[in-house]
PDB file of N, CA and C in Angstrom:
ATOM      1  N   MET A   1      18.781 -25.852  -5.119  1.00  0.00           N
ATOM      2  CA  MET A   1      17.587 -25.634  -5.321  1.00  0.00           C
ATOM      3  C   MET A   1      16.883 -25.022  -4.202  1.00  0.00           C
ATOM      4  N   ALA A   2      16.881 -24.861  -3.058  1.00  0.00           N
ATOM      5  CA  ALA A   2      16.510 -24.178  -2.016  1.00  0.00           C
ATOM      6  C   ALA A   2      16.770 -22.733  -2.146  1.00  0.00           C
ATOM      7  N   TRP A   3      17.635 -22.251  -2.765  1.00  0.00           N
ATOM      8  CA  TRP A   3      17.959 -21.028  -2.311  1.00  0.00           C
ATOM      9  C   TRP A   3      16.928 -20.194  -3.934  1.00  0.00           C
ATOM     10  N   ILE A   4      16.982 -21.037  -4.819  1.00  0.00           N
ATOM     11  CA  ILE A   4      16.523 -20.917  -5.672  1.00  0.00           C
ATOM     12  C   ILE A   4      14.710 -20.572  -5.725  1.00  0.00           C
ATOM     13  N   TYR A   5      13.894 -21.236  -5.021  1.00  0.00           N
ATOM     14  CA  TYR A   5      12.839 -21.331  -4.683  1.00  0.00           C
ATOM     15  C   TYR A   5      12.740 -20.250  -3.485  1.00  0.00           C
ATOM     16  N   LEU A   6      13.853 -20.327  -3.069  1.00  0.00           N
ATOM     17  CA  LEU A   6      13.554 -19.107  -1.669  1.00  0.00           C
ATOM     18  C   LEU A   6      13.361 -17.182  -2.282  1.00  0.00           C
ATOM     19  N   VAL A   7      14.485 -17.351  -3.541  1.00  0.00           N
ATOM     20  CA  VAL A   7      14.908 -15.939  -4.288  1.00  0.00           C
ATOM     21  C   VAL A   7      13.207 -15.686  -5.247  1.00  0.00           C
ATOM     22  N   ILE A   8      12.615 -16.829  -5.442  1.00  0.00           N
ATOM     23  CA  ILE A   8      11.391 -16.677  -6.471  1.00  0.00           C
ATOM     24  C   ILE A   8      10.765 -16.403  -5.700  1.00  0.00           C
ATOM     25  N   ALA A   9      10.517 -17.024  -4.174  1.00  0.00           N
ATOM     26  CA  ALA A   9       9.319 -16.697  -3.054  1.00  0.00           C
ATOM     27  C   ALA A   9       9.735 -15.101  -2.780  1.00  0.00           C
ATOM     28  N   GLY A  10      10.659 -14.295  -2.681  1.00  0.00           N
ATOM     29  CA  GLY A  10      11.245 -13.207  -2.259  1.00  0.00           C
ATOM     30  C   GLY A  10      10.081 -12.179  -3.597  1.00  0.00           C
ATOM     31  N   LEU A  11      10.491 -12.675  -4.360  1.00  0.00           N
ATOM     32  CA  LEU A  11      10.327 -11.896  -5.986  1.00  0.00           C
ATOM     33  C   LEU A  11       8.761 -11.690  -5.519  1.00  0.00           C
ATOM     34  N   LEU A  12       8.360 -13.062  -5.707  1.00  0.00           N
ATOM     35  CA  LEU A  12       6.682 -13.062  -5.317  1.00  0.00           C
ATOM     36  C   LEU A  12       5.969 -12.322  -4.798  1.00  0.00           C
ATOM     37  N   GLU A  13       6.714 -12.149  -3.352  1.00  0.00           N
ATOM     38  CA  GLU A  13       6.537 -11.409  -2.014  1.00  0.00           C
ATOM     39  C   GLU A  13       6.419  -9.482  -2.436  1.00  0.00           C
ATOM     40  N   VAL A  14       7.455  -9.619  -3.050  1.00  0.00           N
ATOM     41  CA  VAL A  14       7.437  -7.975  -4.025  1.00  0.00           C
ATOM     42  C   VAL A  14       5.821  -7.947  -5.007  1.00  0.00           C
ATOM     43  N   VAL A  15       5.735  -8.781  -5.558  1.00  0.00           N
ATOM     44  CA  VAL A  15       4.519  -8.823  -6.616  1.00  0.00           C
ATOM     45  C   VAL A  15       3.453  -8.819  -5.939  1.00  0.00           C
ATOM     46  N   TRP A  16       3.028  -9.512  -5.196  1.00  0.00           N
ATOM     47  CA  TRP A  16       1.698  -9.552  -3.817  1.00  0.00           C
ATOM     48  C   TRP A  16       1.779  -8.135  -3.300  1.00  0.00           C
ATOM     49  N   ALA A  17       2.815  -7.760  -2.667  1.00  0.00           N
ATOM     50  CA  ALA A  17       2.711  -6.334  -1.945  1.00  0.00           C
ATOM     51  C   ALA A  17       2.305  -5.365  -3.047  1.00  0.00           C
ATOM     52  N   TYR A  18       2.869  -4.965  -4.012  1.00  0.00           N
ATOM     53  CA  TYR A  18       2.907  -4.408  -4.993  1.00  0.00           C
ATOM     54  C   TYR A  18       1.272  -4.393  -5.911  1.00  0.00           C
ATOM     55  N   SER A  19       0.582  -5.333  -6.058  1.00  0.00           N
ATOM     56  CA  SER A  19      -0.714  -5.569  -6.455  1.00  0.00           C
ATOM     57  C   SER A  19      -1.491  -5.410  -5.647  1.00  0.00           C
ATOM     58  N   MET A  20      -1.274  -6.031  -3.963  1.00  0.00           N
ATOM     59  CA  MET A  20      -2.180  -5.560  -2.935  1.00  0.00           C
ATOM     60  C   MET A  20      -2.482  -3.902  -2.976  1.00  0.00           C
ATOM     61  N   LYS A  21      -1.913  -3.703  -3.179  1.00  0.00           N
ATOM     62  CA  LYS A  21      -1.425  -1.843  -3.309  1.00  0.00           C
ATOM     63  C   LYS A  21      -2.588  -1.322  -4.110  1.00  0.00           C
ATOM     64  N   GLN A  22      -2.298  -2.105  -5.349  1.00  0.00           N
ATOM     65  CA  GLN A  22      -2.510  -1.825  -6.492  1.00  0.00           C
ATOM     66  C   GLN A  22      -4.705  -1.946  -6.150  1.00  0.00           C
ATOM     67  N   SER A  23      -4.886  -2.817  -5.098  1.00  0.00           N
ATOM     68  CA  SER A  23      -6.287  -3.554  -5.291  1.00  0.00           C
ATOM     69  C   SER A  23      -7.489  -2.350  -4.595  1.00  0.00           C
ATOM     70  N   GLU A  24      -6.237  -1.745  -4.021  1.00  0.00           N
ATOM     71  CA  GLU A  24      -7.193  -0.418  -3.475  1.00  0.00           C
ATOM     72  C   GLU A  24      -8.415  -0.925  -2.196  1.00  0.00           C
ATOM     73  N   GLY A  25      -7.215  -2.127  -1.372  1.00  0.00           N
ATOM     74  CA  GLY A  25      -8.150  -2.551  -0.109  1.00  0.00           C
ATOM     75  C   GLY A  25      -9.027  -3.410  -1.083  1.00  0.00           C
ATOM     76  N   PHE A  26      -8.759  -4.363  -1.799  1.00  0.00           N
ATOM     77  CA  PHE A  26      -9.138  -5.558  -2.378  1.00  0.00           C
ATOM     78  C   PHE A  26     -10.064  -5.225  -2.870  1.00  0.00           C
ATOM     79  N   THR A  27     -10.583  -3.722  -3.293  1.00  0.00           N
ATOM     80  CA  THR A  27     -11.988  -3.679  -4.459  1.00  0.00           C
ATOM     81  C   THR A  27     -11.714  -3.204  -5.643  1.00  0.00           C
ATOM     82  N   ARG A  28     -10.699  -3.690  -6.136  1.00  0.00           N
ATOM     83  CA  ARG A  28     -10.021  -4.248  -7.817  1.00  0.00           C
ATOM     84  C   ARG A  28     -10.012  -5.362  -7.894  1.00  0.00           C
ATOM     85  N   LEU A  29     -10.628  -6.018  -8.656  1.00  0.00           N
ATOM     86  CA  LEU A  29     -10.603  -7.621  -8.768  1.00  0.00           C
ATOM     87  C   LEU A  29      -9.354  -8.319  -9.200  1.00  0.00           C
ATOM     88  N   TYR A  30      -8.955  -7.696 -10.684  1.00  0.00           N
ATOM     89  CA  TYR A  30      -7.677  -8.274 -11.236  1.00  0.00           C
ATOM     90  C   TYR A  30      -6.245  -8.317 -10.139  1.00  0.00           C
ATOM     91  N   PRO A  31      -5.951  -7.109  -9.575  1.00  0.00           N
ATOM     92  CA  PRO A  31      -4.705  -6.746  -8.734  1.00  0.00           C
ATOM     93  C   PRO A  31      -5.088  -7.877  -7.171  1.00  0.00           C
ATOM     94  N   SER A  32      -6.709  -8.044  -6.737  1.00  0.00           N
ATOM     95  CA  SER A  32      -6.980  -8.793  -6.105  1.00  0.00           C
ATOM     96  C   SER A  32      -6.059 -10.228  -6.167  1.00  0.00           C
ATOM     97  N   ILE A  33      -6.762 -10.903  -7.433  1.00  0.00           N
ATOM     98  CA  ILE A  33      -6.436 -11.992  -8.121  1.00  0.00           C
ATOM     99  C   ILE A  33      -5.217 -12.245  -8.020  1.00  0.00           C
ATOM    100  N   ILE A  34      -4.237 -11.469  -8.540  1.00  0.00           N
ATOM    101  CA  ILE A  34      -2.497 -11.365  -8.804  1.00  0.00           C
ATOM    102  C   ILE A  34      -2.052 -11.640  -7.055  1.00  0.00           C
ATOM    103  N   THR A  35      -2.436 -10.949  -6.242  1.00  0.00           N
ATOM    104  CA  THR A  35      -2.506 -10.626  -4.931  1.00  0.00           C
ATOM    105  C   THR A  35      -2.364 -11.664  -4.049  1.00  0.00           C
ATOM    106  N   PHE A  36      -3.473 -12.563  -4.174  1.00  0.00           N
ATOM    107  CA  PHE A  36      -3.954 -14.106  -3.495  1.00  0.00           C
ATOM    108  C   PHE A  36      -3.097 -15.254  -4.103  1.00  0.00           C
ATOM    109  N   VAL A  37      -2.882 -14.824  -5.858  1.00  0.00           N
ATOM    110  CA  VAL A  37      -2.389 -16.172  -6.394  1.00  0.00           C
ATOM    111  C   VAL A  37      -0.377 -15.667  -6.401  1.00  0.00           C
ATOM    112  N   ALA A  38      -0.377 -14.646  -6.028  1.00  0.00           N
ATOM    113  CA  ALA A  38       1.534 -14.573  -5.524  1.00  0.00           C
ATOM    114  C   ALA A  38       1.795 -15.110  -4.275  1.00  0.00           C
ATOM    115  N   MET A  39       0.801 -14.928  -3.639  1.00  0.00           N
ATOM    116  CA  MET A  39       0.772 -14.684  -1.717  1.00  0.00           C
ATOM    117  C   MET A  39       0.960 -16.496  -1.751  1.00  0.00           C
ATOM    118  N   VAL A  40       0.110 -17.200  -2.412  1.00  0.00           N
ATOM    119  CA  VAL A  40      -0.271 -18.504  -2.216  1.00  0.00           C
ATOM    120  C   VAL A  40       1.250 -19.557  -2.768  1.00  0.00           C
ATOM    121  N   LEU A  41       1.994 -19.109  -3.881  1.00  0.00           N
ATOM    122  CA  LEU A  41       2.776 -19.297  -4.728  1.00  0.00           C
ATOM    123  C   LEU A  41       4.022 -18.738  -3.537  1.00  0.00           C
ATOM    124  N   SER A  42       4.027 -17.547  -3.487  1.00  0.00           N
ATOM    125  CA  SER A  42       5.322 -17.559  -2.367  1.00  0.00           C
ATOM    126  C   SER A  42       5.140 -17.954  -1.079  1.00  0.00           C
ATOM    127  N   PHE A  43       4.062 -18.018  -0.661  1.00  0.00           N
ATOM    128  CA  PHE A  43       4.367 -19.192   0.416  1.00  0.00           C
ATOM    129  C   PHE A  43       4.784 -20.257   0.417  1.00  0.00           C
ATOM    130  N   GLY A  44       4.455 -21.073  -0.556  1.00  0.00           N
ATOM    131  CA  GLY A  44       4.611 -22.550  -0.671  1.00  0.00           C
ATOM    132  C   GLY A  44       5.959 -22.672  -1.350  1.00  0.00           C
ATOM    133  N   LEU A  45       6.646 -21.613  -1.954  1.00  0.00           N
ATOM    134  CA  LEU A  45       7.837 -21.632  -2.334  1.00  0.00           C
ATOM    135  C   LEU A  45       8.986 -21.370  -1.113  1.00  0.00           C
ATOM    136  N   LEU A  46       8.336 -20.584  -0.382  1.00  0.00           N
ATOM    137  CA  LEU A  46       9.164 -20.279   1.036  1.00  0.00           C
ATOM    138  C   LEU A  46       8.983 -21.659   1.751  1.00  0.00           C
ATOM    139  N   ALA A  47       8.155 -21.962   1.637  1.00  0.00           N
ATOM    140  CA  ALA A  47       8.130 -23.581   2.725  1.00  0.00           C
ATOM    141  C   ALA A  47       8.744 -24.943   2.169  1.00  0.00           C
ATOM    142  N   PHE A  48       9.138 -24.778   0.552  1.00  0.00           N
ATOM    143  CA  PHE A  48       9.821 -25.502   0.133  1.00  0.00           C
ATOM    144  C   PHE A  48      11.230 -25.465   0.620  1.00  0.00           C
ATOM    145  N   SER A  49      11.619 -24.176   0.176  1.00  0.00           N
ATOM    146  CA  SER A  49      12.930 -23.891   0.892  1.00  0.00           C
ATOM    147  C   SER A  49      13.220 -23.785   2.571  1.00  0.00           C
ATOM    148  N   MET A  50      12.496 -23.884   2.957  1.00  0.00           N
ATOM    149  CA  MET A  50      12.417 -24.332   4.433  1.00  0.00           C
ATOM    150  C   MET A  50      12.990 -25.799   4.656  1.00  0.00           C
ATOM    151  N   ARG A  51      12.227 -26.541   3.398  1.00  0.00           N
ATOM    152  CA  ARG A  51      12.840 -27.933   4.049  1.00  0.00           C
ATOM    153  C   ARG A  51      14.415 -28.154   4.290  1.00  0.00           C
ATOM    154  N   THR A  52      15.255 -27.391   3.638  1.00  0.00           N
ATOM    155  CA  THR A  52      16.656 -27.676   4.165  1.00  0.00           C
ATOM    156  C   THR A  52      17.365 -26.250   4.630  1.00  0.00           C
ATOM    157  N   LEU A  53      16.816 -25.116   4.394  1.00  0.00           N
ATOM    158  CA  LEU A  53      17.286 -24.031   4.855  1.00  0.00           C
ATOM    159  C   LEU A  53      16.976 -23.611   6.309  1.00  0.00           C
ATOM    160  N   PRO A  54      17.826 -23.103   7.208  1.00  0.00           N
ATOM    161  CA  PRO A  54      17.434 -22.730   8.514  1.00  0.00           C
ATOM    162  C   PRO A  54      16.356 -21.839   8.293  1.00  0.00           C
ATOM    163  N   LEU A  55      15.334 -22.146   9.537  1.00  0.00           N
ATOM    164  CA  LEU A  55      14.247 -21.155   9.323  1.00  0.00           C
ATOM    165  C   LEU A  55      14.567 -19.442   9.442  1.00  0.00           C
ATOM    166  N   GLY A  56      15.434 -19.047  10.488  1.00  0.00           N
ATOM    167  CA  GLY A  56      15.790 -17.709  10.642  1.00  0.00           C
ATOM    168  C   GLY A  56      16.826 -17.256   8.959  1.00  0.00           C
ATOM    169  N   THR A  57      17.169 -18.208   8.286  1.00  0.00           N
ATOM    170  CA  THR A  57      17.909 -17.543   7.088  1.00  0.00           C
ATOM    171  C   THR A  57      16.701 -17.523   5.972  1.00  0.00           C
ATOM    172  N   ALA A  58      16.081 -18.349   5.811  1.00  0.00           N
ATOM    173  CA  ALA A  58      15.019 -18.285   4.762  1.00  0.00           C
ATOM    174  C   ALA A  58      14.159 -17.124   5.607  1.00  0.00           C
ATOM    175  N   TYR A  59      13.768 -17.006   6.382  1.00  0.00           N
ATOM    176  CA  TYR A  59      12.559 -16.064   6.670  1.00  0.00           C
ATOM    177  C   TYR A  59      13.251 -14.336   6.550  1.00  0.00           C
ATOM    178  N   THR A  60      14.605 -14.586   6.876  1.00  0.00           N
ATOM    179  CA  THR A  60      15.299 -13.216   6.964  1.00  0.00           C
ATOM    180  C   THR A  60      15.213 -12.777   5.268  1.00  0.00           C
ATOM    181  N   ILE A  61      15.456 -13.784   4.586  1.00  0.00           N
ATOM    182  CA  ILE A  61      16.064 -13.139   3.390  1.00  0.00           C
ATOM    183  C   ILE A  61      14.407 -13.132   2.397  1.00  0.00           C
ATOM    184  N   TRP A  62      13.685 -14.001   3.116  1.00  0.00           N
ATOM    185  CA  TRP A  62      12.523 -14.006   2.313  1.00  0.00           C
ATOM    186  C   TRP A  62      11.629 -12.329   2.254  1.00  0.00           C
ATOM    187  N   THR A  63      12.087 -12.005   3.606  1.00  0.00           N
ATOM    188  CA  THR A  63      11.115 -10.714   4.038  1.00  0.00           C
ATOM    189  C   THR A  63      12.522  -9.601   3.294  1.00  0.00           C
ATOM    190  N   GLY A  64      13.655  -9.771   3.395  1.00  0.00           N
ATOM    191  CA  GLY A  64      14.494  -8.407   2.983  1.00  0.00           C
ATOM    192  C   GLY A  64      14.489  -8.400   1.809  1.00  0.00           C
ATOM    193  N   ILE A  65      13.881  -9.670   0.741  1.00  0.00           N
ATOM    194  CA  ILE A  65      13.708  -9.444  -0.736  1.00  0.00           C
ATOM    195  C   ILE A  65      12.754  -8.483  -0.522  1.00  0.00           C
ATOM    196  N   GLY A  66      11.398  -8.962  -0.337  1.00  0.00           N
ATOM    197  CA  GLY A  66      10.136  -8.553  -0.588  1.00  0.00           C
ATOM    198  C   GLY A  66       9.949  -6.833   0.155  1.00  0.00           C
ATOM    199  N   ALA A  67      10.737  -6.422   1.257  1.00  0.00           N
ATOM    200  CA  ALA A  67      11.282  -5.160   1.337  1.00  0.00           C
ATOM    201  C   ALA A  67      11.924  -4.055   0.601  1.00  0.00           C
ATOM    202  N   VAL A  68      13.205  -4.705   0.106  1.00  0.00           N
ATOM    203  CA  VAL A  68      13.752  -3.957  -0.707  1.00  0.00           C
ATOM    204  C   VAL A  68      13.131  -3.693  -2.137  1.00  0.00           C
ATOM    205  N   GLY A  69      12.667  -5.205  -2.633  1.00  0.00           N
ATOM    206  CA  GLY A  69      11.490  -4.924  -3.852  1.00  0.00           C
ATOM    207  C   GLY A  69      10.609  -3.685  -3.534  1.00  0.00           C
ATOM    208  N   ALA A  70       9.937  -3.711  -2.334  1.00  0.00           N
ATOM    209  CA  ALA A  70       8.989  -3.124  -2.089  1.00  0.00           C
ATOM    210  C   ALA A  70       8.910  -1.639  -2.330  1.00  0.00           C
ATOM    211  N   PHE A  71      10.442  -1.695  -1.729  1.00  0.00           N
ATOM    212  CA  PHE A  71      10.961  -0.092  -1.545  1.00  0.00           C
ATOM    213  C   PHE A  71      11.216   0.377  -3.092  1.00  0.00           C
ATOM    214  N   VAL A  72      12.039  -0.212  -4.260  1.00  0.00           N
ATOM    215  CA  VAL A  72      12.615   0.485  -5.407  1.00  0.00           C
ATOM    216  C   VAL A  72      11.369   0.134  -6.158  1.00  0.00           C
ATOM    217  N   LEU A  73      10.268  -0.836  -6.168  1.00  0.00           N
ATOM    218  CA  LEU A  73       8.795  -0.142  -6.684  1.00  0.00           C
ATOM    219  C   LEU A  73       8.138   0.870  -6.482  1.00  0.00           C
ATOM    220  N   GLY A  74       8.086   1.185  -5.036  1.00  0.00           N
ATOM    221  CA  GLY A  74       7.036   2.547  -4.386  1.00  0.00           C
ATOM    222  C   GLY A  74       7.834   3.603  -5.474  1.00  0.00           C
ATOM    223  N   ILE A  75       9.231   3.562  -5.243  1.00  0.00           N
ATOM    224  CA  ILE A  75      10.066   5.076  -5.860  1.00  0.00           C
ATOM    225  C   ILE A  75       9.753   4.702  -7.074  1.00  0.00           C
ATOM    226  N   ALA A  76       9.944   3.596  -7.836  1.00  0.00           N
ATOM    227  CA  ALA A  76       9.739   3.537  -9.328  1.00  0.00           C
ATOM    228  C   ALA A  76       8.391   4.025 -10.124  1.00  0.00           C
ATOM    229  N   PHE A  77       7.503   3.198  -9.463  1.00  0.00           N
ATOM    230  CA  PHE A  77       6.290   3.374  -9.809  1.00  0.00           C
ATOM    231  C   PHE A  77       4.469   4.271  -9.147  1.00  0.00           C
ATOM    232  N   LEU A  78       5.565   4.825  -7.606  1.00  0.00           N
ATOM    233  CA  LEU A  78       4.569   4.751  -7.249  1.00  0.00           C
ATOM    234  C   LEU A  78       4.910   6.348  -6.778  1.00  0.00           C
ATOM    235  N   GLY A  79       5.548   7.062  -7.025  1.00  0.00           N
ATOM    236  CA  GLY A  79       5.652   8.264  -6.539  1.00  0.00           C
ATOM    237  C   GLY A  79       6.291   8.237  -5.187  1.00  0.00           C
ATOM    238  N   GLU A  80       6.593   7.236  -4.803  1.00  0.00           N
ATOM    239  CA  GLU A  80       7.527   7.293  -3.222  1.00  0.00           C
ATOM    240  C   GLU A  80       8.709   8.227  -2.867  1.00  0.00           C
ATOM    241  N   GLN A  81       8.816   9.075  -2.024  1.00  0.00           N
ATOM    242  CA  GLN A  81       9.900   9.900  -1.572  1.00  0.00           C
ATOM    243  C   GLN A  81      11.135   8.902  -1.994  1.00  0.00           C
ATOM    244  N   LEU A  82      12.652   9.329  -2.573  1.00  0.00           N
ATOM    245  CA  LEU A  82      13.774   8.754  -2.412  1.00  0.00           C
ATOM    246  C   LEU A  82      14.247   9.826  -1.526  1.00  0.00           C
ATOM    247  N   THR A  83      14.940   9.450  -0.298  1.00  0.00           N
ATOM    248  CA  THR A  83      15.791  10.476   0.272  1.00  0.00           C
ATOM    249  C   THR A  83      16.920   9.683   0.808  1.00  0.00           C
ATOM    250  N   PHE A  84      18.024  10.393   1.199  1.00  0.00           N
ATOM    251  CA  PHE A  84      19.489   9.364   1.587  1.00  0.00           C
ATOM    252  C   PHE A  84      18.819   8.488   2.710  1.00  0.00           C
ATOM    253  N   THR A  85      18.126   9.194   3.596  1.00  0.00           N
ATOM    254  CA  THR A  85      17.972   8.129   4.966  1.00  0.00           C
ATOM    255  C   THR A  85      17.442   6.991   4.470  1.00  0.00           C
ATOM    256  N   ARG A  86      15.895   6.592   3.383  1.00  0.00           N
ATOM    257  CA  ARG A  86      15.647   6.001   2.942  1.00  0.00           C
ATOM    258  C   ARG A  86      16.488   4.675   1.895  1.00  0.00           C
ATOM    259  N   VAL A  87      17.281   5.448   1.396  1.00  0.00           N
ATOM    260  CA  VAL A  87      18.135   4.507   0.381  1.00  0.00           C
ATOM    261  C   VAL A  87      19.580   3.755   1.690  1.00  0.00           C
ATOM    262  N   PHE A  88      19.813   4.827   2.403  1.00  0.00           N
ATOM    263  CA  PHE A  88      20.614   3.859   3.268  1.00  0.00           C
ATOM    264  C   PHE A  88      19.755   2.792   4.352  1.00  0.00           C
ATOM    265  N   ALA A  89      18.868   3.009   4.885  1.00  0.00           N
ATOM    266  CA  ALA A  89      18.086   2.205   5.540  1.00  0.00           C
ATOM    267  C   ALA A  89      18.094   0.556   4.347  1.00  0.00           C
ATOM    268  N   GLY A  90      17.703   0.899   3.140  1.00  0.00           N
ATOM    269  CA  GLY A  90      17.596  -0.316   2.470  1.00  0.00           C
ATOM    270  C   GLY A  90      19.048  -1.119   1.771  1.00  0.00           C
ATOM    271  N   VAL A  91      19.932   0.067   1.855  1.00  0.00           N
ATOM    272  CA  VAL A  91      21.561  -0.532   1.582  1.00  0.00           C
ATOM    273  C   VAL A  91      21.963  -1.629   3.041  1.00  0.00           C
ATOM    274  N   LEU A  92      21.462  -1.276   3.762  1.00  0.00           N
ATOM    275  CA  LEU A  92      21.963  -2.012   5.499  1.00  0.00           C
ATOM    276  C   LEU A  92      20.782  -2.674   5.183  1.00  0.00           C
ATOM    277  N   ILE A  93      19.562  -3.433   4.951  1.00  0.00           N
ATOM    278  CA  ILE A  93      18.907  -4.383   4.612  1.00  0.00           C
ATOM    279  C   ILE A  93      19.778  -5.293   3.727  1.00  0.00           C
ATOM    280  N   VAL A  94      20.219  -5.007   2.713  1.00  0.00           N
ATOM    281  CA  VAL A  94      20.544  -5.391   1.610  1.00  0.00           C
ATOM    282  C   VAL A  94      22.305  -6.367   2.340  1.00  0.00           C
ATOM    283  N   ALA A  95      22.892  -5.559   2.855  1.00  0.00           N
ATOM    284  CA  ALA A  95      23.907  -5.706   3.285  1.00  0.00           C
ATOM    285  C   ALA A  95      23.796  -6.771   4.383  1.00  0.00           C
ATOM    286  N   GLY A  96      22.523  -6.880   5.390  1.00  0.00           N
ATOM    287  CA  GLY A  96      22.116  -7.995   6.418  1.00  0.00           C
ATOM    288  C   GLY A  96      21.709  -9.255   5.390  1.00  0.00           C
ATOM    289  N   LEU A  97      21.240  -9.364   4.203  1.00  0.00           N
ATOM    290  CA  LEU A  97      20.984 -10.215   3.372  1.00  0.00           C
ATOM    291  C   LEU A  97      22.039 -11.117   3.027  1.00  0.00           C
ATOM    292  N   ILE A  98      23.175  -9.979   2.487  1.00  0.00           N
ATOM    293  CA  ILE A  98      24.194 -10.680   1.957  1.00  0.00           C
ATOM    294  C   ILE A  98      25.069 -11.400   3.567  1.00  0.00           C
ATOM    295  N   LEU A  99      25.351 -10.554   4.379  1.00  0.00           N
ATOM    296  CA  LEU A  99      25.969 -11.417   5.746  1.00  0.00           C
ATOM    297  C   LEU A  99      25.210 -12.477   6.283  1.00  0.00           C
ATOM    298  N   MET A 100      23.408 -12.893   5.944  1.00  0.00           N
ATOM    299  CA  MET A 100      22.537 -13.725   6.366  1.00  0.00           C
ATOM    300  C   MET A 100      23.205 -15.029   5.524  1.00  0.00           C
ATOM    301  N   LYS A 101      23.219 -14.358   3.940  1.00  0.00           N
ATOM    302  CA  LYS A 101      24.099 -15.831   3.234  1.00  0.00           C
ATOM    303  C   LYS A 101      24.981 -16.574   3.133  1.00  0.00           C
ATOM    304  N   LEU A 102      25.975 -15.403   3.608  1.00  0.00           N
ATOM    305  CA  LEU A 102      27.651 -15.832   4.216  1.00  0.00           C
ATOM    306  C   LEU A 102      27.671 -16.725   4.962  1.00  0.00           C
ATOM    307  N   SER A 103      26.611 -16.240   6.157  1.00  0.00           N
ATOM    308  CA  SER A 103      26.438 -17.434   7.144  1.00  0.00           C
ATOM    309  C   SER A 103      26.033 -18.428   7.331  1.00  0.00           C
ATOM    310  N   SER A 104      25.515 -19.157   6.168  1.00  0.00           N
ATOM    311  CA  SER A 104      24.578 -19.870   6.134  1.00  0.00           C
ATOM    312  C   SER A 104      25.669 -20.877   5.918  1.00  0.00           C
ATOM    313  N   THR A 105      25.511 -22.113   6.475  1.00  0.00           N
ATOM    314  CA  THR A 105      25.914 -23.610   6.013  1.00  0.00           C
ATOM    315  C   THR A 105      25.242 -24.003   4.648  1.00  0.00           C
ATOM    316  N   HIS A 106      24.263 -23.597   4.418  1.00  0.00           N
ATOM    317  CA  HIS A 106      23.541 -24.506   3.152  1.00  0.00           C
ATOM    318  C   HIS A 106      23.867 -23.615   2.230  1.00  0.00           C
TER     319      HIS A 106
END
C-alpha cells in the first residue's frame, strides 16, 4: 500500500503544481482552492507512505513524479519549450526513479 500512496501523492503533486500556476499567484479562487486541497492530500499520502518506506526513497520518488509530471504538463498545456536537453534531463530523472525503486528493500 505504501507504494500506491506514494504514487498517488506524486500525481497530486503534479496537480497542485499545475493549479498553482493557474492560480496566477493565488489571485484566482478555484485554482487556489485546488492547489491547497491537492497539497494537503499529497503531503498526507506522502506521510502515510513514509510509515514503511525509507525517507530518501519516498521523498525522491515523490519529487521525481512531481518534476516529470510538471515538465510534461508544461509542454502539453502551457506551451513550454520541448528541447533535446530538457527531454534528456527528464529521462535521467525517470532513470533515477527506477533505480531508486529497484534499490529499495520495501
